[in-house]
Amino acid sequence: MVVLEAWADGLDFERAHFSDAALAAGIMATGLAPARTTAAGLEAELVDARRGKKSIDSVWARWPEKPAKPDLALLLWPVLKERIEGSLDDAERLRQVPIARVLLQAYELAVRTPRRHVVFRVARQAE
């Protein structure tokens, strides 16, 4: 069985999970924003990019040094973690977090699947 989940309105992962303000703060925290770049200015650029359905990469496209998305993800993780943990006692609120919804669906699918219908292929490790 294959289940496909798309973030709302075709958004990328970052846009589906973080506000433009949170993204701006995370991008600023990379330390790679050019001098004179402000969080407010960056947030405005992110708002414009969102309206134009552009990726967040478009914001730093002309920067000399560009943030790596894995680095940005590490900086943004505390925001997402807080959002998930703050919703753990309310399943409906938790389902509003897209990645949490996907994980819940995977868990529910695993729990519903009868064990006799599950096969794991085990490969021997090379010696």
N, C-alpha and C. Protein backbone atom coordinates (compact mmCIF):
# COMPACT_ATOMS: atom_id res chain seq x y z
N MET A 1 0.84 -1.17 0.00
CA MET A 1 0.00 0.00 0.00
C MET A 1 0.89 1.23 0.00
N VAL A 2 0.48 2.21 -0.76
CA VAL A 2 1.19 3.47 -0.81
C VAL A 2 0.21 4.58 -0.44
N VAL A 3 0.63 5.45 0.45
CA VAL A 3 -0.18 6.60 0.84
C VAL A 3 0.62 7.84 0.47
N LEU A 4 -0.01 8.74 -0.25
CA LEU A 4 0.66 9.97 -0.65
C LEU A 4 0.02 11.13 0.09
N GLU A 5 0.85 11.94 0.72
CA GLU A 5 0.36 13.11 1.45
C GLU A 5 1.09 14.33 0.88
N ALA A 6 0.33 15.30 0.44
CA ALA A 6 0.92 16.55 -0.05
C ALA A 6 0.63 17.63 0.98
N TRP A 7 1.59 18.50 1.18
CA TRP A 7 1.36 19.61 2.10
C TRP A 7 0.28 20.50 1.50
N ALA A 8 -0.43 21.20 2.33
CA ALA A 8 -1.56 22.04 1.90
C ALA A 8 -1.16 22.99 0.77
N ASP A 9 -2.03 23.14 -0.19
CA ASP A 9 -1.86 24.08 -1.30
C ASP A 9 -0.53 23.93 -2.03
N GLY A 10 0.04 22.72 -2.03
CA GLY A 10 1.29 22.50 -2.74
C GLY A 10 2.48 23.20 -2.11
N LEU A 11 2.37 23.54 -0.83
CA LEU A 11 3.47 24.22 -0.14
C LEU A 11 4.66 23.30 0.02
N ASP A 12 5.85 23.90 0.15
CA ASP A 12 7.01 23.09 0.49
C ASP A 12 6.97 22.82 2.00
N PHE A 13 7.82 21.95 2.46
CA PHE A 13 7.80 21.54 3.87
C PHE A 13 7.91 22.75 4.80
N GLU A 14 8.83 23.64 4.48
CA GLU A 14 9.05 24.80 5.36
C GLU A 14 7.80 25.66 5.49
N ARG A 15 7.18 25.94 4.37
CA ARG A 15 5.98 26.79 4.39
C ARG A 15 4.81 26.11 5.07
N ALA A 16 4.73 24.79 4.95
CA ALA A 16 3.62 24.07 5.56
C ALA A 16 3.74 24.04 7.09
N HIS A 17 4.95 24.22 7.60
CA HIS A 17 5.18 24.05 9.03
C HIS A 17 5.56 25.31 9.80
N PHE A 18 6.00 26.34 9.09
CA PHE A 18 6.50 27.52 9.78
C PHE A 18 5.91 28.80 9.21
N SER A 19 5.71 29.76 10.07
CA SER A 19 5.27 31.08 9.62
C SER A 19 6.44 31.78 8.94
N ASP A 20 6.13 32.83 8.20
CA ASP A 20 7.20 33.60 7.56
C ASP A 20 8.11 34.24 8.61
N ALA A 21 7.54 34.64 9.74
CA ALA A 21 8.35 35.22 10.82
C ALA A 21 9.33 34.19 11.38
N ALA A 22 8.85 32.96 11.59
CA ALA A 22 9.74 31.90 12.11
C ALA A 22 10.82 31.56 11.08
N LEU A 23 10.43 31.49 9.81
CA LEU A 23 11.43 31.22 8.77
C LEU A 23 12.47 32.33 8.71
N ALA A 24 12.03 33.59 8.80
CA ALA A 24 12.96 34.72 8.76
C ALA A 24 13.94 34.63 9.93
N ALA A 25 13.42 34.33 11.11
CA ALA A 25 14.30 34.21 12.29
C ALA A 25 15.30 33.08 12.09
N GLY A 26 14.85 31.96 11.56
CA GLY A 26 15.75 30.83 11.32
C GLY A 26 16.81 31.16 10.29
N ILE A 27 16.40 31.80 9.21
CA ILE A 27 17.37 32.17 8.17
C ILE A 27 18.38 33.16 8.72
N MET A 28 17.92 34.14 9.50
CA MET A 28 18.84 35.10 10.11
C MET A 28 19.82 34.39 11.04
N ALA A 29 19.34 33.37 11.74
CA ALA A 29 20.19 32.64 12.69
C ALA A 29 21.30 31.85 12.01
N THR A 30 21.18 31.61 10.70
CA THR A 30 22.26 30.92 10.00
C THR A 30 23.52 31.78 9.95
N GLY A 31 23.33 33.10 10.08
CA GLY A 31 24.47 34.01 10.01
C GLY A 31 24.93 34.28 8.58
N LEU A 32 24.17 33.84 7.59
CA LEU A 32 24.59 34.00 6.20
C LEU A 32 23.86 35.13 5.47
N ALA A 33 22.93 35.77 6.14
CA ALA A 33 22.22 36.89 5.50
C ALA A 33 23.20 38.03 5.28
N PRO A 34 23.14 38.68 4.13
CA PRO A 34 24.04 39.79 3.87
C PRO A 34 23.86 40.91 4.91
N ALA A 35 24.91 41.69 5.09
CA ALA A 35 24.85 42.84 6.00
C ALA A 35 23.66 43.70 5.61
N ARG A 36 23.07 44.33 6.57
CA ARG A 36 21.90 45.21 6.41
C ARG A 36 20.59 44.44 6.20
N THR A 37 20.65 43.12 6.17
CA THR A 37 19.41 42.35 6.07
C THR A 37 18.79 42.30 7.46
N THR A 38 17.52 42.61 7.54
CA THR A 38 16.82 42.56 8.82
C THR A 38 15.80 41.43 8.80
N ALA A 39 15.42 40.97 9.98
CA ALA A 39 14.41 39.92 10.07
C ALA A 39 13.09 40.40 9.46
N ALA A 40 12.74 41.66 9.71
CA ALA A 40 11.50 42.21 9.17
C ALA A 40 11.55 42.27 7.64
N GLY A 41 12.68 42.70 7.09
CA GLY A 41 12.82 42.75 5.64
C GLY A 41 12.79 41.37 5.02
N LEU A 42 13.44 40.45 5.68
CA LEU A 42 13.46 39.06 5.20
C LEU A 42 12.05 38.46 5.26
N GLU A 43 11.33 38.76 6.33
CA GLU A 43 9.96 38.28 6.45
C GLU A 43 9.10 38.82 5.31
N ALA A 44 9.27 40.09 4.97
CA ALA A 44 8.51 40.69 3.86
C ALA A 44 8.84 39.99 2.54
N GLU A 45 10.11 39.66 2.35
CA GLU A 45 10.51 38.93 1.13
C GLU A 45 9.87 37.54 1.10
N LEU A 46 9.81 36.90 2.26
CA LEU A 46 9.18 35.58 2.34
C LEU A 46 7.69 35.65 2.05
N VAL A 47 7.04 36.70 2.54
CA VAL A 47 5.61 36.91 2.25
C VAL A 47 5.41 37.07 0.74
N ASP A 48 6.25 37.89 0.11
CA ASP A 48 6.15 38.08 -1.34
C ASP A 48 6.41 36.77 -2.09
N ALA A 49 7.41 36.03 -1.65
CA ALA A 49 7.72 34.75 -2.30
C ALA A 49 6.55 33.77 -2.15
N ARG A 50 5.92 33.78 -0.97
CA ARG A 50 4.78 32.89 -0.73
C ARG A 50 3.63 33.25 -1.68
N ARG A 51 3.36 34.55 -1.81
CA ARG A 51 2.30 35.01 -2.72
C ARG A 51 2.58 34.58 -4.15
N GLY A 52 3.85 34.65 -4.53
CA GLY A 52 4.25 34.26 -5.88
C GLY A 52 4.48 32.78 -6.04
N LYS A 53 4.18 32.00 -4.98
CA LYS A 53 4.35 30.54 -4.97
C LYS A 53 5.79 30.14 -5.29
N LYS A 54 6.73 30.95 -4.79
CA LYS A 54 8.16 30.65 -4.98
C LYS A 54 8.69 29.94 -3.74
N SER A 55 9.69 29.14 -3.92
CA SER A 55 10.35 28.44 -2.83
C SER A 55 11.08 29.44 -1.94
N ILE A 56 11.34 29.05 -0.70
CA ILE A 56 12.10 29.95 0.17
C ILE A 56 13.51 30.18 -0.35
N ASP A 57 14.00 29.27 -1.17
CA ASP A 57 15.34 29.43 -1.76
C ASP A 57 15.43 30.72 -2.58
N SER A 58 14.31 31.18 -3.11
CA SER A 58 14.33 32.39 -3.94
C SER A 58 14.75 33.61 -3.13
N VAL A 59 14.55 33.57 -1.83
CA VAL A 59 14.90 34.69 -0.97
C VAL A 59 16.42 34.87 -0.90
N TRP A 60 17.14 33.78 -0.90
CA TRP A 60 18.60 33.88 -0.80
C TRP A 60 19.30 33.57 -2.13
N ALA A 61 18.59 33.55 -3.20
CA ALA A 61 19.16 33.18 -4.51
C ALA A 61 20.36 34.03 -4.90
N ARG A 62 20.35 35.31 -4.53
CA ARG A 62 21.45 36.21 -4.95
C ARG A 62 22.46 36.46 -3.83
N TRP A 63 22.33 35.76 -2.73
CA TRP A 63 23.28 35.95 -1.63
C TRP A 63 24.62 35.30 -1.99
N PRO A 64 25.72 35.87 -1.54
CA PRO A 64 27.03 35.25 -1.80
C PRO A 64 27.14 33.86 -1.17
N GLU A 65 26.68 33.75 0.08
CA GLU A 65 26.66 32.45 0.76
C GLU A 65 25.21 32.11 1.06
N LYS A 66 24.82 30.90 0.67
CA LYS A 66 23.43 30.50 0.82
C LYS A 66 23.28 29.49 1.97
N PRO A 67 22.22 29.65 2.75
CA PRO A 67 21.98 28.67 3.82
C PRO A 67 21.68 27.29 3.24
N ALA A 68 22.13 26.28 3.91
CA ALA A 68 21.79 24.90 3.53
C ALA A 68 20.50 24.53 4.26
N LYS A 69 19.59 23.90 3.57
CA LYS A 69 18.31 23.56 4.19
C LYS A 69 18.47 22.66 5.42
N PRO A 70 19.41 21.71 5.44
CA PRO A 70 19.58 20.92 6.66
C PRO A 70 19.99 21.78 7.86
N ASP A 71 20.82 22.79 7.62
CA ASP A 71 21.22 23.70 8.70
C ASP A 71 20.02 24.51 9.18
N LEU A 72 19.21 24.98 8.23
CA LEU A 72 18.01 25.72 8.58
C LEU A 72 17.04 24.83 9.36
N ALA A 73 16.93 23.58 8.95
CA ALA A 73 16.05 22.63 9.64
C ALA A 73 16.46 22.46 11.10
N LEU A 74 17.76 22.37 11.35
CA LEU A 74 18.24 22.23 12.74
C LEU A 74 17.89 23.46 13.56
N LEU A 75 17.97 24.62 12.94
CA LEU A 75 17.64 25.86 13.65
C LEU A 75 16.14 25.99 13.91
N LEU A 76 15.33 25.45 13.00
CA LEU A 76 13.88 25.55 13.13
C LEU A 76 13.28 24.41 13.95
N TRP A 77 14.03 23.34 14.17
CA TRP A 77 13.51 22.18 14.89
C TRP A 77 12.87 22.55 16.24
N PRO A 78 13.47 23.40 17.06
CA PRO A 78 12.82 23.73 18.34
C PRO A 78 11.41 24.30 18.19
N VAL A 79 11.17 25.06 17.13
CA VAL A 79 9.85 25.63 16.88
C VAL A 79 8.85 24.52 16.57
N LEU A 80 9.25 23.61 15.69
CA LEU A 80 8.37 22.50 15.32
C LEU A 80 8.16 21.55 16.49
N LYS A 81 9.22 21.28 17.22
CA LYS A 81 9.12 20.39 18.39
C LYS A 81 8.13 20.97 19.41
N GLU A 82 8.23 22.26 19.68
CA GLU A 82 7.32 22.91 20.63
C GLU A 82 5.87 22.83 20.14
N ARG A 83 5.69 23.03 18.84
CA ARG A 83 4.34 22.96 18.28
C ARG A 83 3.76 21.55 18.42
N ILE A 84 4.58 20.53 18.17
CA ILE A 84 4.12 19.15 18.29
C ILE A 84 3.85 18.81 19.75
N GLU A 85 4.82 19.10 20.62
CA GLU A 85 4.65 18.76 22.04
C GLU A 85 3.49 19.52 22.67
N GLY A 86 3.24 20.74 22.21
CA GLY A 86 2.12 21.52 22.73
C GLY A 86 0.77 21.00 22.28
N SER A 87 0.77 20.10 21.32
CA SER A 87 -0.48 19.55 20.79
C SER A 87 -0.71 18.09 21.18
N LEU A 88 0.20 17.51 21.93
CA LEU A 88 0.11 16.08 22.22
C LEU A 88 -1.16 15.68 22.97
N ASP A 89 -1.73 16.59 23.75
CA ASP A 89 -2.92 16.24 24.51
C ASP A 89 -4.21 16.50 23.74
N ASP A 90 -4.11 16.93 22.49
CA ASP A 90 -5.28 17.24 21.68
C ASP A 90 -5.06 16.70 20.27
N ALA A 91 -5.65 15.54 19.96
CA ALA A 91 -5.42 14.88 18.68
C ALA A 91 -5.79 15.76 17.50
N GLU A 92 -6.86 16.52 17.62
CA GLU A 92 -7.26 17.39 16.51
C GLU A 92 -6.24 18.48 16.26
N ARG A 93 -5.72 19.07 17.33
CA ARG A 93 -4.68 20.10 17.18
C ARG A 93 -3.40 19.49 16.62
N LEU A 94 -3.09 18.27 17.07
CA LEU A 94 -1.89 17.60 16.58
C LEU A 94 -2.00 17.33 15.08
N ARG A 95 -3.18 16.99 14.61
CA ARG A 95 -3.38 16.73 13.18
C ARG A 95 -3.26 18.00 12.34
N GLN A 96 -3.22 19.16 12.96
CA GLN A 96 -3.03 20.41 12.23
C GLN A 96 -1.56 20.63 11.88
N VAL A 97 -0.68 19.83 12.47
CA VAL A 97 0.75 19.88 12.16
C VAL A 97 0.98 18.82 11.07
N PRO A 98 1.27 19.24 9.84
CA PRO A 98 1.31 18.28 8.73
C PRO A 98 2.20 17.06 8.96
N ILE A 99 3.40 17.25 9.44
CA ILE A 99 4.29 16.09 9.62
C ILE A 99 3.77 15.18 10.72
N ALA A 100 3.16 15.74 11.74
CA ALA A 100 2.57 14.92 12.80
C ALA A 100 1.41 14.11 12.25
N ARG A 101 0.62 14.71 11.37
CA ARG A 101 -0.50 14.01 10.74
C ARG A 101 0.00 12.80 9.95
N VAL A 102 1.09 12.97 9.22
CA VAL A 102 1.66 11.88 8.44
C VAL A 102 2.16 10.77 9.37
N LEU A 103 2.83 11.16 10.45
CA LEU A 103 3.33 10.15 11.40
C LEU A 103 2.18 9.41 12.07
N LEU A 104 1.11 10.13 12.41
CA LEU A 104 -0.06 9.47 13.00
C LEU A 104 -0.69 8.50 12.02
N GLN A 105 -0.78 8.88 10.76
CA GLN A 105 -1.33 7.98 9.75
C GLN A 105 -0.47 6.73 9.61
N ALA A 106 0.84 6.88 9.62
CA ALA A 106 1.73 5.73 9.53
C ALA A 106 1.55 4.81 10.73
N TYR A 107 1.45 5.41 11.90
CA TYR A 107 1.24 4.60 13.12
C TYR A 107 -0.10 3.87 13.05
N GLU A 108 -1.16 4.58 12.67
CA GLU A 108 -2.49 3.97 12.59
C GLU A 108 -2.52 2.84 11.56
N LEU A 109 -1.84 3.03 10.45
CA LEU A 109 -1.76 2.00 9.43
C LEU A 109 -1.01 0.77 9.97
N ALA A 110 0.07 1.00 10.67
CA ALA A 110 0.84 -0.11 11.24
C ALA A 110 0.03 -0.87 12.27
N VAL A 111 -0.74 -0.17 13.07
CA VAL A 111 -1.54 -0.82 14.10
C VAL A 111 -2.69 -1.61 13.48
N ARG A 112 -3.28 -1.09 12.42
CA ARG A 112 -4.42 -1.75 11.77
C ARG A 112 -4.02 -2.96 10.93
N THR A 113 -2.79 -2.99 10.46
CA THR A 113 -2.36 -4.05 9.56
C THR A 113 -2.16 -5.35 10.33
N PRO A 114 -2.92 -6.39 9.96
CA PRO A 114 -2.72 -7.68 10.65
C PRO A 114 -1.29 -8.17 10.45
N ARG A 115 -0.71 -8.66 11.50
CA ARG A 115 0.70 -9.09 11.46
C ARG A 115 0.95 -10.20 10.44
N ARG A 116 -0.06 -11.01 10.17
CA ARG A 116 0.16 -12.11 9.21
C ARG A 116 0.30 -11.59 7.78
N HIS A 117 0.00 -10.31 7.55
CA HIS A 117 0.11 -9.72 6.22
C HIS A 117 1.39 -8.90 6.07
N VAL A 118 2.25 -8.95 7.03
CA VAL A 118 3.47 -8.16 7.01
C VAL A 118 4.66 -9.09 6.82
N VAL A 119 5.52 -8.75 5.87
CA VAL A 119 6.71 -9.55 5.61
C VAL A 119 7.91 -8.60 5.62
N PHE A 120 8.93 -9.00 6.33
CA PHE A 120 10.17 -8.24 6.34
C PHE A 120 11.24 -9.07 5.65
N ARG A 121 11.92 -8.46 4.73
CA ARG A 121 13.01 -9.13 4.06
C ARG A 121 14.27 -8.81 4.82
N VAL A 122 14.99 -9.82 5.22
CA VAL A 122 16.20 -9.62 6.00
C VAL A 122 17.40 -10.03 5.15
N ALA A 123 18.33 -9.13 5.03
CA ALA A 123 19.54 -9.43 4.26
C ALA A 123 20.68 -9.67 5.24
N ARG A 124 21.50 -10.61 4.91
CA ARG A 124 22.67 -10.89 5.76
C ARG A 124 23.72 -9.82 5.53
N GLN A 125 24.38 -9.46 6.62
CA GLN A 125 25.45 -8.47 6.50
C GLN A 125 26.68 -9.13 5.90
N ALA A 126 27.38 -8.37 5.10
CA ALA A 126 28.64 -8.88 4.52
C ALA A 126 29.66 -9.02 5.63
N GLU A 127 30.40 -10.09 5.58
CA GLU A 127 31.41 -10.32 6.62
C GLU A 127 32.72 -9.73 6.26
